[in-house]
Amino acid sequence: MSSNRDARYTTAGRALGELRHRNRPPVNGGCGCPIIIEGRRDRIALKVLGFTGPIEQVNRGWSQSRFVTYIYEKYGIINKVDQGCSVSLLMDWDRTGGRLQKKLGERFEAFGMRVDNDTRMELIRSMKPEGRTVEGLKAHADNLRPYIDIVDPEGIEKE
């Protein structure tokens, strides 16, 4: 593995580790911050990376208005555990994902919700050469997990 790729995995793993820690249910030391993703394969990729908290899928046959209202009513405007962002938006880093990220972010913020876009921005910078989708992270799980686990050691699966 080239040192450039290793540096990118380190950066992406750190961002994903911080997100996994915030996503973990409060009973497991996290904040229960939900991650908003596009579809089913994105959920599978995050599960392979060790995410155990709430993951909400945009593509479920609902209008965006109904989805945003549901998220607002379920999670509120701030995270009750750490007073941080109430949701983390993690759309793909292609053109469609960018539009969806922007539109959903604006709608959540119109409700007064605090939205985390930082993980997606880190993944755009570090993982673009390897792919442009959340589901594509699954192929890099073996390389990313050690870096994720450094940041979020409580999320390491017990065997």
C-alpha atoms as a PDB file:
ATOM      1  CA  MET A   1       0.000   0.000   0.000  1.00  0.00           C
ATOM      2  CA  SER A   2       1.394   3.395  -0.918  1.00  0.00           C
ATOM      3  CA  SER A   3       2.018   5.911   1.817  1.00  0.00           C
ATOM      4  CA  ASN A   4      -0.449   8.304   0.112  1.00  0.00           C
ATOM      5  CA  ARG A   5      -3.200   5.677   0.247  1.00  0.00           C
ATOM      6  CA  ASP A   6      -2.257   4.848   3.845  1.00  0.00           C
ATOM      7  CA  ALA A   7      -2.575   8.540   4.762  1.00  0.00           C
ATOM      8  CA  ARG A   8      -5.992   8.684   3.080  1.00  0.00           C
ATOM      9  CA  TYR A   9      -7.164   5.569   4.954  1.00  0.00           C
ATOM     10  CA  THR A  10      -5.904   7.128   8.197  1.00  0.00           C
ATOM     11  CA  THR A  11      -7.899  10.312   7.542  1.00  0.00           C
ATOM     12  CA  ALA A  12     -11.041   8.461   6.460  1.00  0.00           C
ATOM     13  CA  GLY A  13     -10.746   5.998   9.363  1.00  0.00           C
ATOM     14  CA  ARG A  14     -10.410   8.807  11.894  1.00  0.00           C
ATOM     15  CA  ALA A  15     -13.541  10.536  10.543  1.00  0.00           C
ATOM     16  CA  LEU A  16     -15.500   7.278  10.471  1.00  0.00           C
ATOM     17  CA  GLY A  17     -14.291   6.392  13.988  1.00  0.00           C
ATOM     18  CA  GLU A  18     -15.563   9.694  15.374  1.00  0.00           C
ATOM     19  CA  LEU A  19     -18.885   9.156  13.600  1.00  0.00           C
ATOM     20  CA  ARG A  20     -19.152   5.550  14.831  1.00  0.00           C
ATOM     21  CA  HIS A  21     -18.539   6.713  18.402  1.00  0.00           C
ATOM     22  CA  ARG A  22     -21.300   9.350  18.188  1.00  0.00           C
ATOM     23  CA  ASN A  23     -23.618   6.852  16.457  1.00  0.00           C
ATOM     24  CA  ARG A  24     -23.257   4.146  19.115  1.00  0.00           C
ATOM     25  CA  PRO A  25     -26.284   3.847  21.431  1.00  0.00           C
ATOM     26  CA  PRO A  26     -25.938   5.777  24.731  1.00  0.00           C
ATOM     27  CA  VAL A  27     -26.029   2.529  26.727  1.00  0.00           C
ATOM     28  CA  ASN A  28     -22.802   1.602  24.900  1.00  0.00           C
ATOM     29  CA  GLY A  29     -21.060   4.922  25.565  1.00  0.00           C
ATOM     30  CA  GLY A  30     -22.145   6.779  22.431  1.00  0.00           C
ATOM     31  CA  CYS A  31     -24.638   9.552  21.723  1.00  0.00           C
ATOM     32  CA  GLY A  32     -27.100   7.649  19.534  1.00  0.00           C
ATOM     33  CA  CYS A  33     -26.657  10.195  16.744  1.00  0.00           C
ATOM     34  CA  PRO A  34     -28.484   8.822  13.688  1.00  0.00           C
ATOM     35  CA  ILE A  35     -26.735   8.630  10.341  1.00  0.00           C
ATOM     36  CA  ILE A  36     -28.867   9.498   7.319  1.00  0.00           C
ATOM     37  CA  ILE A  37     -27.864   7.437   4.272  1.00  0.00           C
ATOM     38  CA  GLU A  38     -29.348   6.935   0.805  1.00  0.00           C
ATOM     39  CA  GLY A  39     -30.107   3.222   0.565  1.00  0.00           C
ATOM     40  CA  ARG A  40     -29.928  -0.337   1.842  1.00  0.00           C
ATOM     41  CA  ARG A  41     -26.407  -1.072   0.542  1.00  0.00           C
ATOM     42  CA  ASP A  42     -25.091   2.009   2.382  1.00  0.00           C
ATOM     43  CA  ARG A  43     -26.515   0.546   5.614  1.00  0.00           C
ATOM     44  CA  ILE A  44     -24.777  -2.775   4.917  1.00  0.00           C
ATOM     45  CA  ALA A  45     -21.435  -1.003   4.351  1.00  0.00           C
ATOM     46  CA  LEU A  46     -21.727   0.878   7.660  1.00  0.00           C
ATOM     47  CA  LYS A  47     -22.616  -2.343   9.518  1.00  0.00           C
ATOM     48  CA  VAL A  48     -19.474  -3.992   8.065  1.00  0.00           C
ATOM     49  CA  LEU A  49     -17.493  -1.004   9.415  1.00  0.00           C
ATOM     50  CA  GLY A  50     -18.899  -1.698  12.910  1.00  0.00           C
ATOM     51  CA  PHE A  51     -21.699   0.858  13.201  1.00  0.00           C
ATOM     52  CA  THR A  52     -24.364  -0.253  15.690  1.00  0.00           C
ATOM     53  CA  GLY A  53     -26.485   2.859  16.265  1.00  0.00           C
ATOM     54  CA  PRO A  54     -29.459   4.252  14.373  1.00  0.00           C
ATOM     55  CA  ILE A  55     -29.108   4.448  10.599  1.00  0.00           C
ATOM     56  CA  GLU A  56     -31.987   6.052   8.722  1.00  0.00           C
ATOM     57  CA  GLN A  57     -32.492   5.446   5.024  1.00  0.00           C
ATOM     58  CA  VAL A  58     -33.786   8.245   2.749  1.00  0.00           C
ATOM     59  CA  ASN A  59     -34.918   5.886  -0.026  1.00  0.00           C
ATOM     60  CA  ARG A  60     -37.958   4.280   1.597  1.00  0.00           C
ATOM     61  CA  GLY A  61     -40.717   5.433  -0.737  1.00  0.00           C
ATOM     62  CA  TRP A  62     -41.534   8.608   1.208  1.00  0.00           C
ATOM     63  CA  SER A  63     -41.484  12.213   0.046  1.00  0.00           C
ATOM     64  CA  GLN A  64     -38.568  14.277   1.321  1.00  0.00           C
ATOM     65  CA  SER A  65     -40.990  16.383   3.362  1.00  0.00           C
ATOM     66  CA  ARG A  66     -42.388  13.311   5.119  1.00  0.00           C
ATOM     67  CA  PHE A  67     -38.882  11.921   5.733  1.00  0.00           C
ATOM     68  CA  VAL A  68     -37.536  15.198   7.180  1.00  0.00           C
ATOM     69  CA  THR A  69     -40.593  15.565   9.423  1.00  0.00           C
ATOM     70  CA  TYR A  70     -40.178  11.974  10.651  1.00  0.00           C
ATOM     71  CA  ILE A  71     -36.481  12.541  11.489  1.00  0.00           C
ATOM     72  CA  TYR A  72     -37.269  15.844  13.222  1.00  0.00           C
ATOM     73  CA  GLU A  73     -40.009  14.298  15.346  1.00  0.00           C
ATOM     74  CA  LYS A  74     -37.908  11.247  16.236  1.00  0.00           C
ATOM     75  CA  TYR A  75     -34.544  12.932  16.996  1.00  0.00           C
ATOM     76  CA  GLY A  76     -35.217  16.625  17.729  1.00  0.00           C
ATOM     77  CA  ILE A  77     -33.048  19.658  17.038  1.00  0.00           C
ATOM     78  CA  ILE A  78     -29.973  18.776  19.128  1.00  0.00           C
ATOM     79  CA  ASN A  79     -28.512  15.565  20.458  1.00  0.00           C
ATOM     80  CA  LYS A  80     -29.732  15.157  24.030  1.00  0.00           C
ATOM     81  CA  VAL A  81     -26.570  13.300  25.128  1.00  0.00           C
ATOM     82  CA  ASP A  82     -23.817  15.721  24.058  1.00  0.00           C
ATOM     83  CA  GLN A  83     -25.830  18.763  22.866  1.00  0.00           C
ATOM     84  CA  GLY A  84     -24.158  18.322  19.464  1.00  0.00           C
ATOM     85  CA  CYS A  85     -25.613  17.732  16.024  1.00  0.00           C
ATOM     86  CA  SER A  86     -28.874  15.818  16.042  1.00  0.00           C
ATOM     87  CA  VAL A  87     -28.177  13.975  12.755  1.00  0.00           C
ATOM     88  CA  SER A  88     -25.248  13.167  10.501  1.00  0.00           C
ATOM     89  CA  LEU A  89     -25.874  13.344   6.756  1.00  0.00           C
ATOM     90  CA  LEU A  90     -23.778  10.858   4.782  1.00  0.00           C
ATOM     91  CA  MET A  91     -24.861  10.931   1.151  1.00  0.00           C
ATOM     92  CA  ASP A  92     -22.644   9.639  -1.663  1.00  0.00           C
ATOM     93  CA  TRP A  93     -19.991  12.021  -2.954  1.00  0.00           C
ATOM     94  CA  ASP A  94     -21.257  12.048  -6.527  1.00  0.00           C
ATOM     95  CA  ARG A  95     -23.403  14.774  -8.092  1.00  0.00           C
ATOM     96  CA  THR A  96     -26.727  13.204  -7.032  1.00  0.00           C
ATOM     97  CA  GLY A  97     -25.487  12.669  -3.481  1.00  0.00           C
ATOM     98  CA  GLY A  98     -24.261  16.259  -3.318  1.00  0.00           C
ATOM     99  CA  ARG A  99     -27.647  17.607  -4.362  1.00  0.00           C
ATOM    100  CA  LEU A 100     -29.438  15.377  -1.875  1.00  0.00           C
ATOM    101  CA  GLN A 101     -26.996  16.345   0.915  1.00  0.00           C
ATOM    102  CA  LYS A 102     -27.609  20.050   0.239  1.00  0.00           C
ATOM    103  CA  LYS A 103     -31.391  19.771  -0.054  1.00  0.00           C
ATOM    104  CA  LEU A 104     -31.848  17.590   3.044  1.00  0.00           C
ATOM    105  CA  GLY A 105     -29.404  19.720   5.033  1.00  0.00           C
ATOM    106  CA  GLU A 106     -31.361  22.867   4.187  1.00  0.00           C
ATOM    107  CA  ARG A 107     -34.647  21.207   5.158  1.00  0.00           C
ATOM    108  CA  PHE A 108     -33.295  19.931   8.486  1.00  0.00           C
ATOM    109  CA  GLU A 109     -31.784  23.335   9.262  1.00  0.00           C
ATOM    110  CA  ALA A 110     -35.146  24.982   8.457  1.00  0.00           C
ATOM    111  CA  PHE A 111     -36.498  22.949  11.402  1.00  0.00           C
ATOM    112  CA  GLY A 112     -33.623  24.321  13.508  1.00  0.00           C
ATOM    113  CA  MET A 113     -31.818  20.967  13.577  1.00  0.00           C
ATOM    114  CA  ARG A 114     -28.037  20.804  13.906  1.00  0.00           C
ATOM    115  CA  VAL A 115     -26.595  18.736  11.044  1.00  0.00           C
ATOM    116  CA  ASP A 116     -23.149  17.138  10.783  1.00  0.00           C
ATOM    117  CA  ASN A 117     -21.663  17.220   7.267  1.00  0.00           C
ATOM    118  CA  ASP A 118     -18.027  16.848   8.390  1.00  0.00           C
ATOM    119  CA  THR A 119     -17.638  13.092   7.901  1.00  0.00           C
ATOM    120  CA  ARG A 120     -18.855  13.291   4.316  1.00  0.00           C
ATOM    121  CA  MET A 121     -16.442  16.149   3.598  1.00  0.00           C
ATOM    122  CA  GLU A 122     -13.511  14.131   4.995  1.00  0.00           C
ATOM    123  CA  LEU A 123     -14.535  11.107   2.916  1.00  0.00           C
ATOM    124  CA  ILE A 124     -14.765  13.248  -0.224  1.00  0.00           C
ATOM    125  CA  ARG A 125     -11.188  14.427   0.338  1.00  0.00           C
ATOM    126  CA  SER A 126      -9.706  11.091   1.333  1.00  0.00           C
ATOM    127  CA  MET A 127     -11.690   8.359  -0.445  1.00  0.00           C
ATOM    128  CA  LYS A 128     -12.548   9.897  -3.833  1.00  0.00           C
ATOM    129  CA  PRO A 129      -9.807   7.955  -5.657  1.00  0.00           C
ATOM    130  CA  GLU A 130     -11.262   4.696  -4.281  1.00  0.00           C
ATOM    131  CA  GLY A 131     -14.894   5.502  -5.105  1.00  0.00           C
ATOM    132  CA  ARG A 132     -17.716   7.966  -4.737  1.00  0.00           C
ATOM    133  CA  THR A 133     -20.264   6.065  -2.669  1.00  0.00           C
ATOM    134  CA  VAL A 134     -20.947   5.059   0.917  1.00  0.00           C
ATOM    135  CA  GLU A 135     -21.625   1.482  -0.201  1.00  0.00           C
ATOM    136  CA  GLY A 136     -18.161   1.484  -1.822  1.00  0.00           C
ATOM    137  CA  LEU A 137     -16.575   1.796   1.639  1.00  0.00           C
ATOM    138  CA  LYS A 138     -17.443  -1.871   2.235  1.00  0.00           C
ATOM    139  CA  ALA A 139     -14.682  -2.934  -0.186  1.00  0.00           C
ATOM    140  CA  HIS A 140     -12.158  -1.011   1.939  1.00  0.00           C
ATOM    141  CA  ALA A 141     -13.411  -2.230   5.330  1.00  0.00           C
ATOM    142  CA  ASP A 142     -10.333  -4.331   6.099  1.00  0.00           C
ATOM    143  CA  ASN A 143      -8.084  -1.311   5.493  1.00  0.00           C
ATOM    144  CA  LEU A 144     -10.327   1.210   7.290  1.00  0.00           C
ATOM    145  CA  ARG A 145     -11.334  -0.798  10.390  1.00  0.00           C
ATOM    146  CA  PRO A 146      -7.930  -0.567  12.174  1.00  0.00           C
ATOM    147  CA  TYR A 147      -8.029   3.243  11.917  1.00  0.00           C
ATOM    148  CA  ILE A 148     -11.699   3.399  12.933  1.00  0.00           C
ATOM    149  CA  ASP A 149     -10.995   1.141  15.927  1.00  0.00           C
ATOM    150  CA  ILE A 150      -8.147   3.413  17.125  1.00  0.00           C
ATOM    151  CA  VAL A 151     -10.573   6.339  17.420  1.00  0.00           C
ATOM    152  CA  ASP A 152     -13.496   4.231  18.686  1.00  0.00           C
ATOM    153  CA  PRO A 153     -12.020   1.257  20.561  1.00  0.00           C
ATOM    154  CA  GLU A 154     -15.297   0.608  22.402  1.00  0.00           C
ATOM    155  CA  GLY A 155     -16.842  -0.241  19.032  1.00  0.00           C
ATOM    156  CA  ILE A 156     -14.530  -3.196  18.415  1.00  0.00           C
ATOM    157  CA  GLU A 157     -16.581  -6.375  18.234  1.00  0.00           C
ATOM    158  CA  LYS A 158     -15.944  -8.736  21.115  1.00  0.00           C
ATOM    159  CA  GLU A 159     -15.253 -12.285  19.945  1.00  0.00           C
END
